[in-house]
């Protein structure tokens, strides 16, 4: 007697588009992590290079706040 195999769904998951502010937060986290881990320098640099000028300024400002909080 043959058993029936369940057919898998081929639909892709639908995710909402990523906003600029979310990208900036991730980039700021990567840049802060790069200060402590040499392995994070390359991914952080690649991500930072893809940002627009306004996003780069925001990343630097957020990274400054993160590093200031870590110094205290």
PDB file of N, CA and C in Angstrom:
ATOM      1  N   UNK A   1       0.830  -1.177   0.000  1.00  0.00           N
ATOM      2  CA  UNK A   1       0.000   0.000   0.000  1.00  0.00           C
ATOM      3  C   UNK A   1       0.884   1.254   0.000  1.00  0.00           C
ATOM      4  N   UNK A   2       0.645   2.160  -0.938  1.00  0.00           N
ATOM      5  CA  UNK A   2       1.434   3.380  -1.036  1.00  0.00           C
ATOM      6  C   UNK A   2       0.908   4.451  -0.097  1.00  0.00           C
ATOM      7  N   UNK A   3       1.855   5.179   0.487  1.00  0.00           N
ATOM      8  CA  UNK A   3       1.434   6.300   1.327  1.00  0.00           C
ATOM      9  C   UNK A   3       1.505   7.575   0.504  1.00  0.00           C
ATOM     10  N   UNK A   4       0.606   8.456   0.748  1.00  0.00           N
ATOM     11  CA  UNK A   4       0.589   9.719   0.019  1.00  0.00           C
ATOM     12  C   UNK A   4       1.583  10.683   0.660  1.00  0.00           C
ATOM     13  N   UNK A   5       2.353  11.346  -0.177  1.00  0.00           N
ATOM     14  CA  UNK A   5       3.271  12.359   0.351  1.00  0.00           C
ATOM     15  C   UNK A   5       2.583  13.711   0.283  1.00  0.00           C
ATOM     16  N   UNK A   6       2.805  14.474   1.297  1.00  0.00           N
ATOM     17  CA  UNK A   6       2.187  15.781   1.370  1.00  0.00           C
ATOM     18  C   UNK A   6       2.950  16.750   0.457  1.00  0.00           C
ATOM     19  N   UNK A   7       2.225  17.441  -0.393  1.00  0.00           N
ATOM     20  CA  UNK A   7       2.849  18.389  -1.309  1.00  0.00           C
ATOM     21  C   UNK A   7       3.210  19.660  -0.534  1.00  0.00           C
ATOM     22  N   UNK A   8       4.447  20.101  -0.725  1.00  0.00           N
ATOM     23  CA  UNK A   8       4.901  21.305  -0.031  1.00  0.00           C
ATOM     24  C   UNK A   8       4.454  22.549  -0.777  1.00  0.00           C
ATOM     25  N   UNK A   9       4.210  23.577  -0.025  1.00  0.00           N
ATOM     26  CA  UNK A   9       3.817  24.854  -0.616  1.00  0.00           C
ATOM     27  C   UNK A   9       5.029  25.497  -1.284  1.00  0.00           C
ATOM     28  N   UNK A  10       4.829  26.035  -2.451  1.00  0.00           N
ATOM     29  CA  UNK A  10       5.931  26.675  -3.170  1.00  0.00           C
ATOM     30  C   UNK A  10       5.837  28.195  -3.102  1.00  0.00           C
ATOM     31  N   UNK A  11       4.884  28.709  -2.334  1.00  0.00           N
ATOM     32  CA  UNK A  11       4.762  30.163  -2.210  1.00  0.00           C
ATOM     33  C   UNK A  11       5.894  30.720  -1.365  1.00  0.00           C
ATOM     34  N   UNK A  12       6.372  31.886  -1.755  1.00  0.00           N
ATOM     35  CA  UNK A  12       7.409  32.548  -0.978  1.00  0.00           C
ATOM     36  C   UNK A  12       6.755  33.365   0.133  1.00  0.00           C
ATOM     37  N   UNK A  13       7.475  33.482   1.232  1.00  0.00           N
ATOM     38  CA  UNK A  13       6.969  34.292   2.326  1.00  0.00           C
ATOM     39  C   UNK A  13       7.005  35.757   1.911  1.00  0.00           C
ATOM     40  N   UNK A  14       5.995  36.495   2.294  1.00  0.00           N
ATOM     41  CA  UNK A  14       5.937  37.909   1.954  1.00  0.00           C
ATOM     42  C   UNK A  14       6.339  38.730   3.179  1.00  0.00           C
ATOM     43  N   UNK A  15       7.421  39.456   3.044  1.00  0.00           N
ATOM     44  CA  UNK A  15       7.890  40.307   4.116  1.00  0.00           C
ATOM     45  C   UNK A  15       7.671  41.762   3.726  1.00  0.00           C
ATOM     46  N   UNK A  16       7.409  42.608   4.702  1.00  0.00           N
ATOM     47  CA  UNK A  16       7.262  44.029   4.360  1.00  0.00           C
ATOM     48  C   UNK A  16       8.609  44.603   3.937  1.00  0.00           C
ATOM     49  N   UNK A  17       8.606  45.659   3.135  1.00  0.00           N
ATOM     50  CA  UNK A  17       9.878  46.245   2.705  1.00  0.00           C
ATOM     51  C   UNK A  17      10.662  46.795   3.900  1.00  0.00           C
ATOM     52  N   UNK A  18      11.964  46.730   3.809  1.00  0.00           N
ATOM     53  CA  UNK A  18      12.818  47.218   4.888  1.00  0.00           C
ATOM     54  C   UNK A  18      12.916  48.733   4.776  1.00  0.00           C
ATOM     55  N   UNK A  19      12.740  49.407   5.901  1.00  0.00           N
ATOM     56  CA  UNK A  19      12.792  50.866   5.868  1.00  0.00           C
ATOM     57  C   UNK A  19      14.226  51.356   6.040  1.00  0.00           C
ATOM     58  N   UNK A  20      14.437  52.591   5.680  1.00  0.00           N
ATOM     59  CA  UNK A  20      15.765  53.203   5.778  1.00  0.00           C
ATOM     60  C   UNK A  20      16.226  53.256   7.233  1.00  0.00           C
ATOM     61  N   UNK A  21      15.310  53.528   8.140  1.00  0.00           N
ATOM     62  CA  UNK A  21      15.692  53.624   9.556  1.00  0.00           C
ATOM     63  C   UNK A  21      16.132  52.268  10.109  1.00  0.00           C
ATOM     64  N   UNK A  22      15.534  51.197   9.627  1.00  0.00           N
ATOM     65  CA  UNK A  22      15.959  49.861  10.060  1.00  0.00           C
ATOM     66  C   UNK A  22      17.358  49.547   9.551  1.00  0.00           C
ATOM     67  N   UNK A  23      17.648  49.936   8.327  1.00  0.00           N
ATOM     68  CA  UNK A  23      18.980  49.714   7.763  1.00  0.00           C
ATOM     69  C   UNK A  23      20.020  50.510   8.547  1.00  0.00           C
ATOM     70  N   UNK A  24      19.673  51.741   8.904  1.00  0.00           N
ATOM     71  CA  UNK A  24      20.584  52.593   9.667  1.00  0.00           C
ATOM     72  C   UNK A  24      20.880  51.978  11.031  1.00  0.00           C
ATOM     73  N   UNK A  25      19.872  51.431  11.691  1.00  0.00           N
ATOM     74  CA  UNK A  25      20.081  50.822  13.009  1.00  0.00           C
ATOM     75  C   UNK A  25      20.995  49.600  12.913  1.00  0.00           C
ATOM     76  N   UNK A  26      20.794  48.773  11.908  1.00  0.00           N
ATOM     77  CA  UNK A  26      21.641  47.593  11.723  1.00  0.00           C
ATOM     78  C   UNK A  26      23.070  48.011  11.406  1.00  0.00           C
ATOM     79  N   UNK A  27      23.224  49.008  10.550  1.00  0.00           N
ATOM     80  CA  UNK A  27      24.559  49.485  10.194  1.00  0.00           C
ATOM     81  C   UNK A  27      25.277  50.062  11.411  1.00  0.00           C
ATOM     82  N   UNK A  28      24.558  50.787  12.259  1.00  0.00           N
ATOM     83  CA  UNK A  28      25.160  51.349  13.474  1.00  0.00           C
ATOM     84  C   UNK A  28      25.606  50.228  14.408  1.00  0.00           C
ATOM     85  N   UNK A  29      24.801  49.190  14.515  1.00  0.00           N
ATOM     86  CA  UNK A  29      25.181  48.042  15.345  1.00  0.00           C
ATOM     87  C   UNK A  29      26.434  47.367  14.793  1.00  0.00           C
ATOM     88  N   UNK A  30      26.486  47.176  13.475  1.00  0.00           N
ATOM     89  CA  UNK A  30      27.656  46.556  12.845  1.00  0.00           C
ATOM     90  C   UNK A  30      28.909  47.383  13.074  1.00  0.00           C
ATOM     91  N   UNK A  31      28.793  48.717  12.924  1.00  0.00           N
ATOM     92  CA  UNK A  31      29.952  49.586  13.111  1.00  0.00           C
ATOM     93  C   UNK A  31      30.440  49.527  14.557  1.00  0.00           C
ATOM     94  N   UNK A  32      29.516  49.488  15.502  1.00  0.00           N
ATOM     95  CA  UNK A  32      29.896  49.404  16.916  1.00  0.00           C
ATOM     96  C   UNK A  32      30.543  48.052  17.213  1.00  0.00           C
ATOM     97  N   UNK A  33      30.031  47.003  16.614  1.00  0.00           N
ATOM     98  CA  UNK A  33      30.602  45.671  16.826  1.00  0.00           C
ATOM     99  C   UNK A  33      31.993  45.573  16.197  1.00  0.00           C
ATOM    100  N   UNK A  34      32.218  46.318  15.119  1.00  0.00           N
ATOM    101  CA  UNK A  34      33.521  46.288  14.444  1.00  0.00           C
ATOM    102  C   UNK A  34      34.626  46.861  15.323  1.00  0.00           C
ATOM    103  N   UNK A  35      34.257  47.716  16.269  1.00  0.00           N
ATOM    104  CA  UNK A  35      35.245  48.283  17.183  1.00  0.00           C
ATOM    105  C   UNK A  35      35.823  47.191  18.081  1.00  0.00           C
ATOM    106  N   UNK A  36      34.999  46.225  18.440  1.00  0.00           N
ATOM    107  CA  UNK A  36      35.418  45.188  19.378  1.00  0.00           C
ATOM    108  C   UNK A  36      35.854  43.886  18.715  1.00  0.00           C
ATOM    109  N   UNK A  37      35.420  43.655  17.490  1.00  0.00           N
ATOM    110  CA  UNK A  37      35.729  42.396  16.818  1.00  0.00           C
ATOM    111  C   UNK A  37      36.267  42.660  15.414  1.00  0.00           C
ATOM    112  N   UNK A  38      37.452  42.174  15.156  1.00  0.00           N
ATOM    113  CA  UNK A  38      38.075  42.374  13.848  1.00  0.00           C
ATOM    114  C   UNK A  38      37.286  41.688  12.732  1.00  0.00           C
ATOM    115  N   UNK A  39      36.596  40.621  13.071  1.00  0.00           N
ATOM    116  CA  UNK A  39      35.810  39.887  12.070  1.00  0.00           C
ATOM    117  C   UNK A  39      34.620  40.698  11.562  1.00  0.00           C
ATOM    118  N   UNK A  40      34.180  41.687  12.321  1.00  0.00           N
ATOM    119  CA  UNK A  40      33.021  42.491  11.930  1.00  0.00           C
ATOM    120  C   UNK A  40      33.390  43.682  11.047  1.00  0.00           C
ATOM    121  N   UNK A  41      34.686  43.959  10.883  1.00  0.00           N
ATOM    122  CA  UNK A  41      35.102  45.138  10.123  1.00  0.00           C
ATOM    123  C   UNK A  41      34.668  45.046   8.666  1.00  0.00           C
ATOM    124  N   UNK A  42      34.914  43.909   8.024  1.00  0.00           N
ATOM    125  CA  UNK A  42      34.578  43.765   6.603  1.00  0.00           C
ATOM    126  C   UNK A  42      33.069  43.867   6.340  1.00  0.00           C
ATOM    127  N   UNK A  43      32.212  43.118   7.075  1.00  0.00           N
ATOM    128  CA  UNK A  43      30.769  43.265   6.819  1.00  0.00           C
ATOM    129  C   UNK A  43      30.260  44.672   7.114  1.00  0.00           C
ATOM    130  N   UNK A  44      30.795  45.297   8.164  1.00  0.00           N
ATOM    131  CA  UNK A  44      30.363  46.653   8.501  1.00  0.00           C
ATOM    132  C   UNK A  44      30.758  47.634   7.406  1.00  0.00           C
ATOM    133  N   UNK A  45      31.957  47.485   6.872  1.00  0.00           N
ATOM    134  CA  UNK A  45      32.424  48.371   5.809  1.00  0.00           C
ATOM    135  C   UNK A  45      31.602  48.190   4.539  1.00  0.00           C
ATOM    136  N   UNK A  46      31.305  46.950   4.197  1.00  0.00           N
ATOM    137  CA  UNK A  46      30.494  46.690   2.996  1.00  0.00           C
ATOM    138  C   UNK A  46      29.106  47.308   3.121  1.00  0.00           C
ATOM    139  N   UNK A  47      28.499  47.162   4.297  1.00  0.00           N
ATOM    140  CA  UNK A  47      27.170  47.720   4.521  1.00  0.00           C
ATOM    141  C   UNK A  47      27.225  49.248   4.515  1.00  0.00           C
ATOM    142  N   UNK A  48      28.227  49.810   5.157  1.00  0.00           N
ATOM    143  CA  UNK A  48      28.363  51.262   5.251  1.00  0.00           C
ATOM    144  C   UNK A  48      28.563  51.883   3.869  1.00  0.00           C
ATOM    145  N   UNK A  49      29.309  51.229   3.004  1.00  0.00           N
ATOM    146  CA  UNK A  49      29.576  51.748   1.661  1.00  0.00           C
ATOM    147  C   UNK A  49      28.317  51.814   0.798  1.00  0.00           C
ATOM    148  N   UNK A  50      27.315  51.019   1.110  1.00  0.00           N
ATOM    149  CA  UNK A  50      26.083  50.988   0.322  1.00  0.00           C
ATOM    150  C   UNK A  50      25.070  52.041   0.756  1.00  0.00           C
ATOM    151  N   UNK A  51      25.329  52.726   1.852  1.00  0.00           N
ATOM    152  CA  UNK A  51      24.376  53.697   2.379  1.00  0.00           C
ATOM    153  C   UNK A  51      24.476  55.033   1.649  1.00  0.00           C
ATOM    154  N   UNK A  52      23.386  55.784   1.690  1.00  0.00           N
ATOM    155  CA  UNK A  52      23.403  57.141   1.140  1.00  0.00           C
ATOM    156  C   UNK A  52      24.106  58.057   2.143  1.00  0.00           C
ATOM    157  N   UNK A  53      24.384  59.284   1.734  1.00  0.00           N
ATOM    158  CA  UNK A  53      25.094  60.221   2.607  1.00  0.00           C
ATOM    159  C   UNK A  53      24.317  60.528   3.883  1.00  0.00           C
ATOM    160  N   UNK A  54      23.011  60.719   3.761  1.00  0.00           N
ATOM    161  CA  UNK A  54      22.214  61.024   4.960  1.00  0.00           C
ATOM    162  C   UNK A  54      22.167  59.826   5.905  1.00  0.00           C
ATOM    163  N   UNK A  55      22.116  58.627   5.339  1.00  0.00           N
ATOM    164  CA  UNK A  55      22.126  57.420   6.178  1.00  0.00           C
ATOM    165  C   UNK A  55      23.472  57.262   6.882  1.00  0.00           C
ATOM    166  N   UNK A  56      24.565  57.613   6.187  1.00  0.00           N
ATOM    167  CA  UNK A  56      25.892  57.524   6.794  1.00  0.00           C
ATOM    168  C   UNK A  56      26.007  58.465   7.986  1.00  0.00           C
ATOM    169  N   UNK A  57      25.460  59.664   7.853  1.00  0.00           N
ATOM    170  CA  UNK A  57      25.487  60.626   8.956  1.00  0.00           C
ATOM    171  C   UNK A  57      24.694  60.084  10.142  1.00  0.00           C
ATOM    172  N   UNK A  58      23.540  59.496   9.864  1.00  0.00           N
ATOM    173  CA  UNK A  58      22.718  58.928  10.934  1.00  0.00           C
ATOM    174  C   UNK A  58      23.432  57.769  11.620  1.00  0.00           C
ATOM    175  N   UNK A  59      24.104  56.933  10.844  1.00  0.00           N
ATOM    176  CA  UNK A  59      24.847  55.804  11.419  1.00  0.00           C
ATOM    177  C   UNK A  59      25.949  56.309  12.330  1.00  0.00           C
ATOM    178  N   UNK A  60      26.658  57.330  11.889  1.00  0.00           N
ATOM    179  CA  UNK A  60      27.746  57.871  12.696  1.00  0.00           C
ATOM    180  C   UNK A  60      27.209  58.473  14.001  1.00  0.00           C
ATOM    181  N   UNK A  61      26.071  59.158  13.936  1.00  0.00           N
ATOM    182  CA  UNK A  61      25.484  59.758  15.133  1.00  0.00           C
ATOM    183  C   UNK A  61      25.033  58.682  16.123  1.00  0.00           C
ATOM    184  N   UNK A  62      24.379  57.652  15.627  1.00  0.00           N
ATOM    185  CA  UNK A  62      23.920  56.566  16.494  1.00  0.00           C
ATOM    186  C   UNK A  62      25.118  55.809  17.059  1.00  0.00           C
ATOM    187  N   UNK A  63      26.118  55.548  16.213  1.00  0.00           N
ATOM    188  CA  UNK A  63      27.328  54.868  16.669  1.00  0.00           C
ATOM    189  C   UNK A  63      28.046  55.657  17.741  1.00  0.00           C
ATOM    190  N   UNK A  64      28.048  56.986  17.618  1.00  0.00           N
ATOM    191  CA  UNK A  64      28.641  57.857  18.636  1.00  0.00           C
ATOM    192  C   UNK A  64      27.935  57.695  19.980  1.00  0.00           C
ATOM    193  N   UNK A  65      26.616  57.645  19.933  1.00  0.00           N
ATOM    194  CA  UNK A  65      25.832  57.477  21.171  1.00  0.00           C
ATOM    195  C   UNK A  65      26.093  56.100  21.795  1.00  0.00           C
ATOM    196  N   UNK A  66      26.169  55.072  20.958  1.00  0.00           N
ATOM    197  CA  UNK A  66      26.429  53.718  21.474  1.00  0.00           C
ATOM    198  C   UNK A  66      27.795  53.668  22.133  1.00  0.00           C
ATOM    199  N   UNK A  67      28.797  54.213  21.456  1.00  0.00           N
ATOM    200  CA  UNK A  67      30.151  54.175  22.007  1.00  0.00           C
ATOM    201  C   UNK A  67      30.254  55.035  23.273  1.00  0.00           C
ATOM    202  N   UNK A  68      29.537  56.158  23.308  1.00  0.00           N
ATOM    203  CA  UNK A  68      29.515  56.999  24.514  1.00  0.00           C
ATOM    204  C   UNK A  68      28.902  56.268  25.693  1.00  0.00           C
ATOM    205  N   UNK A  69      27.845  55.509  25.425  1.00  0.00           N
ATOM    206  CA  UNK A  69      27.208  54.734  26.498  1.00  0.00           C
ATOM    207  C   UNK A  69      28.124  53.619  26.982  1.00  0.00           C
ATOM    208  N   UNK A  70      28.901  53.043  26.083  1.00  0.00           N
ATOM    209  CA  UNK A  70      29.805  51.953  26.480  1.00  0.00           C
ATOM    210  C   UNK A  70      31.009  52.465  27.268  1.00  0.00           C
ATOM    211  N   UNK A  71      31.397  53.707  27.029  1.00  0.00           N
ATOM    212  CA  UNK A  71      32.544  54.282  27.750  1.00  0.00           C
ATOM    213  C   UNK A  71      32.215  54.544  29.207  1.00  0.00           C
ATOM    214  N   UNK A  72      30.944  54.847  29.502  1.00  0.00           N
ATOM    215  CA  UNK A  72      30.548  55.178  30.880  1.00  0.00           C
ATOM    216  C   UNK A  72      30.560  54.017  31.815  1.00  0.00           C
TER     217      UNK A  72
END
